[in-house]
């Protein structure tokens, strides 16, 4: 049986928020937890658009805060599926801050979330094969397998010696 295919761009989702006083910490910066909440929402929507299923968050890769987003700034979150596997999808998210009066827009955060598609009975469901078109999509698609193997190793679901994509990066076989 051939899996259906779907273009990566069909999952593109953009969400915009305004940083209000209730969203900030005592330094008037957007709270990290609030940003992660928004990241989870935008990436879940992208995964649902791609899979046509309800999805659940399976993992969140490293989230680091490179620049704070201030009270009154606009936050734009963009997410899209980078690659799909049997029942899971990796989603890339970029978070941009924007001080509209100052005319300044900056990248605040990037992360990868993994989602599992669920059927109506709450069981994992097959997802379409992701088809990248642009060079950037192809690069993310190619590197997604390495990120997946690293996630599986860290979760104890894969042995390092079985991670062929990661071995190729570090040239482990030649070092032994």
Protein backbone atom coordinates (compact mmCIF):
# COMPACT_ATOMS: atom_id res chain seq x y z
CA UNK A 1 0.00 0.00 0.00
CA UNK A 2 1.38 3.38 -1.01
CA UNK A 3 1.15 6.11 1.60
CA UNK A 4 -0.51 9.34 0.56
CA UNK A 5 1.86 12.27 0.17
CA UNK A 6 1.48 15.86 1.28
CA UNK A 7 3.62 18.90 0.56
CA UNK A 8 5.44 20.35 3.56
CA UNK A 9 4.08 23.82 2.70
CA UNK A 10 0.52 22.55 3.26
CA UNK A 11 1.27 22.46 7.00
CA UNK A 12 2.54 26.06 7.26
CA UNK A 13 0.82 27.80 10.16
CA UNK A 14 1.34 31.35 11.39
CA UNK A 15 0.05 32.67 14.71
CA UNK A 16 0.36 36.24 15.99
CA UNK A 17 0.01 37.40 19.59
CA UNK A 18 0.45 40.67 21.46
CA UNK A 19 2.49 40.55 24.68
CA UNK A 20 0.17 41.88 27.39
CA UNK A 21 0.95 42.54 31.08
CA UNK A 22 -0.49 39.17 32.15
CA UNK A 23 1.99 37.42 29.78
CA UNK A 24 5.12 38.95 31.33
CA UNK A 25 7.49 38.38 34.21
CA UNK A 26 8.69 41.05 36.64
CA UNK A 27 11.18 42.34 34.03
CA UNK A 28 8.31 42.96 31.57
CA UNK A 29 9.54 40.18 29.28
CA UNK A 30 7.33 37.47 27.83
CA UNK A 31 7.35 34.50 30.22
CA UNK A 32 9.07 31.43 28.78
CA UNK A 33 6.18 29.19 29.74
CA UNK A 34 3.72 31.39 27.87
CA UNK A 35 5.91 31.33 24.76
CA UNK A 36 6.19 27.53 24.97
CA UNK A 37 2.40 27.32 25.31
CA UNK A 38 2.00 29.34 22.10
CA UNK A 39 4.69 27.22 20.40
CA UNK A 40 2.82 24.05 21.33
CA UNK A 41 -0.43 25.43 19.90
CA UNK A 42 0.99 26.66 16.58
CA UNK A 43 2.98 23.47 16.01
CA UNK A 44 0.01 21.24 16.92
CA UNK A 45 -2.12 23.09 14.37
CA UNK A 46 0.57 22.58 11.71
CA UNK A 47 0.71 18.84 12.54
CA UNK A 48 -3.09 18.56 12.43
CA UNK A 49 -3.26 20.33 9.07
CA UNK A 50 -0.66 17.93 7.73
CA UNK A 51 -2.08 14.70 9.16
CA UNK A 52 -5.83 15.46 9.23
CA UNK A 53 -5.87 13.94 12.72
CA UNK A 54 -5.90 15.08 16.32
CA UNK A 55 -2.30 15.13 17.52
CA UNK A 56 -0.53 14.87 20.85
CA UNK A 57 2.86 16.33 21.74
CA UNK A 58 5.44 13.55 22.01
CA UNK A 59 8.60 15.59 22.58
CA UNK A 60 10.08 19.05 22.62
CA UNK A 61 13.69 19.58 21.59
CA UNK A 62 15.98 22.11 23.15
CA UNK A 63 14.24 25.42 23.76
CA UNK A 64 16.64 28.29 24.35
CA UNK A 65 15.76 31.94 24.64
CA UNK A 66 18.13 34.03 22.53
CA UNK A 67 16.36 37.38 22.85
CA UNK A 68 13.60 38.45 25.23
CA UNK A 69 10.31 39.69 23.86
CA UNK A 70 9.12 42.80 25.66
CA UNK A 71 5.73 43.92 26.92
CA UNK A 72 3.80 45.49 24.04
CA UNK A 73 5.76 43.67 21.34
CA UNK A 74 4.10 41.47 18.74
CA UNK A 75 5.01 37.78 18.66
CA UNK A 76 4.78 35.88 15.38
CA UNK A 77 5.14 32.12 15.49
CA UNK A 78 5.58 30.07 12.32
CA UNK A 79 5.46 26.30 12.22
CA UNK A 80 5.58 23.60 9.57
CA UNK A 81 6.13 19.86 9.38
CA UNK A 82 9.70 19.04 8.39
CA UNK A 83 9.32 15.27 8.02
CA UNK A 84 6.84 12.55 8.83
CA UNK A 85 7.45 9.01 9.99
CA UNK A 86 4.86 6.24 10.50
CA UNK A 87 2.58 7.98 12.98
CA UNK A 88 4.71 10.94 14.04
CA UNK A 89 5.76 14.26 12.57
CA UNK A 90 8.57 16.65 13.39
CA UNK A 91 7.53 20.31 13.34
CA UNK A 92 9.94 23.27 13.14
CA UNK A 93 8.91 26.46 14.92
CA UNK A 94 10.37 29.94 14.68
CA UNK A 95 9.36 32.69 17.12
CA UNK A 96 9.82 36.32 16.07
CA UNK A 97 9.50 39.39 18.25
CA UNK A 98 8.57 42.73 16.77
CA UNK A 99 8.67 46.22 18.22
CA UNK A 100 6.36 47.83 15.68
CA UNK A 101 6.88 51.50 16.71
CA UNK A 102 10.67 51.05 16.49
CA UNK A 103 10.46 49.06 13.26
CA UNK A 104 12.52 46.21 14.70
CA UNK A 105 11.83 42.52 14.04
CA UNK A 106 14.09 39.80 15.46
CA UNK A 107 14.29 36.03 15.81
CA UNK A 108 13.76 35.10 19.44
CA UNK A 109 13.57 31.31 19.36
CA UNK A 110 13.67 28.15 17.24
CA UNK A 111 12.67 24.66 18.27
CA UNK A 112 11.49 21.28 17.01
CA UNK A 113 8.42 19.56 18.44
CA UNK A 114 7.33 16.01 17.66
CA UNK A 115 3.67 15.02 17.45
CA UNK A 116 1.87 11.71 17.12
CA UNK A 117 -1.37 11.55 15.11
CA UNK A 118 -4.26 9.84 16.89
CA UNK A 119 -7.33 8.13 15.43
CA UNK A 120 -10.85 8.50 16.83
CA UNK A 121 -10.13 5.67 19.33
CA UNK A 122 -7.02 7.35 20.71
CA UNK A 123 -4.61 5.01 18.92
CA UNK A 124 -1.67 6.19 16.80
CA UNK A 125 -2.71 6.81 13.19
CA UNK A 126 -0.65 6.68 9.98
CA UNK A 127 0.34 10.05 8.55
CA UNK A 128 1.07 11.10 4.97
CA UNK A 129 4.60 11.14 3.63
CA UNK A 130 6.08 14.66 3.76
CA UNK A 131 7.30 16.05 0.44
CA UNK A 132 9.75 18.96 0.68
CA UNK A 133 10.09 21.31 -2.30
CA UNK A 134 12.45 24.19 -1.45
CA UNK A 135 16.13 23.81 -0.56
CA UNK A 136 15.39 24.89 3.04
CA UNK A 137 12.62 22.27 3.30
CA UNK A 138 14.92 19.61 1.84
CA UNK A 139 17.69 20.46 4.32
CA UNK A 140 15.30 20.23 7.30
CA UNK A 141 13.85 16.99 5.89
CA UNK A 142 17.30 15.42 5.57
CA UNK A 143 18.44 16.43 9.06
CA UNK A 144 15.15 15.36 10.69
CA UNK A 145 16.21 11.71 10.74
CA UNK A 146 19.34 12.59 12.77
CA UNK A 147 17.28 14.64 15.23
CA UNK A 148 14.82 11.76 15.52
CA UNK A 149 17.56 9.26 16.27
CA UNK A 150 19.01 11.57 18.92
CA UNK A 151 15.57 11.96 20.54
CA UNK A 152 15.09 8.17 20.56
CA UNK A 153 18.54 7.61 22.12
CA UNK A 154 17.91 10.22 24.83
CA UNK A 155 14.53 8.62 25.57
CA UNK A 156 16.15 5.18 25.89
CA UNK A 157 14.20 3.83 22.90
CA UNK A 158 17.23 3.36 20.64
CA UNK A 159 20.76 2.17 21.28
CA UNK A 160 23.52 4.55 20.10
CA UNK A 161 25.13 1.81 17.98
CA UNK A 162 21.86 1.52 16.00
CA UNK A 163 21.78 5.24 15.10
CA UNK A 164 23.29 4.99 11.62
CA UNK A 165 22.55 8.62 10.68
CA UNK A 166 24.34 9.89 13.79
CA UNK A 167 27.26 7.51 13.29
CA UNK A 168 27.80 8.99 9.84
CA UNK A 169 28.15 12.48 11.31
CA UNK A 170 30.75 11.48 13.87
CA UNK A 171 32.37 8.85 11.67
CA UNK A 172 32.18 6.46 14.61
CA UNK A 173 33.03 3.37 12.61
CA UNK A 174 36.43 4.77 11.55
CA UNK A 175 37.31 5.80 15.11
CA UNK A 176 36.91 2.26 16.46
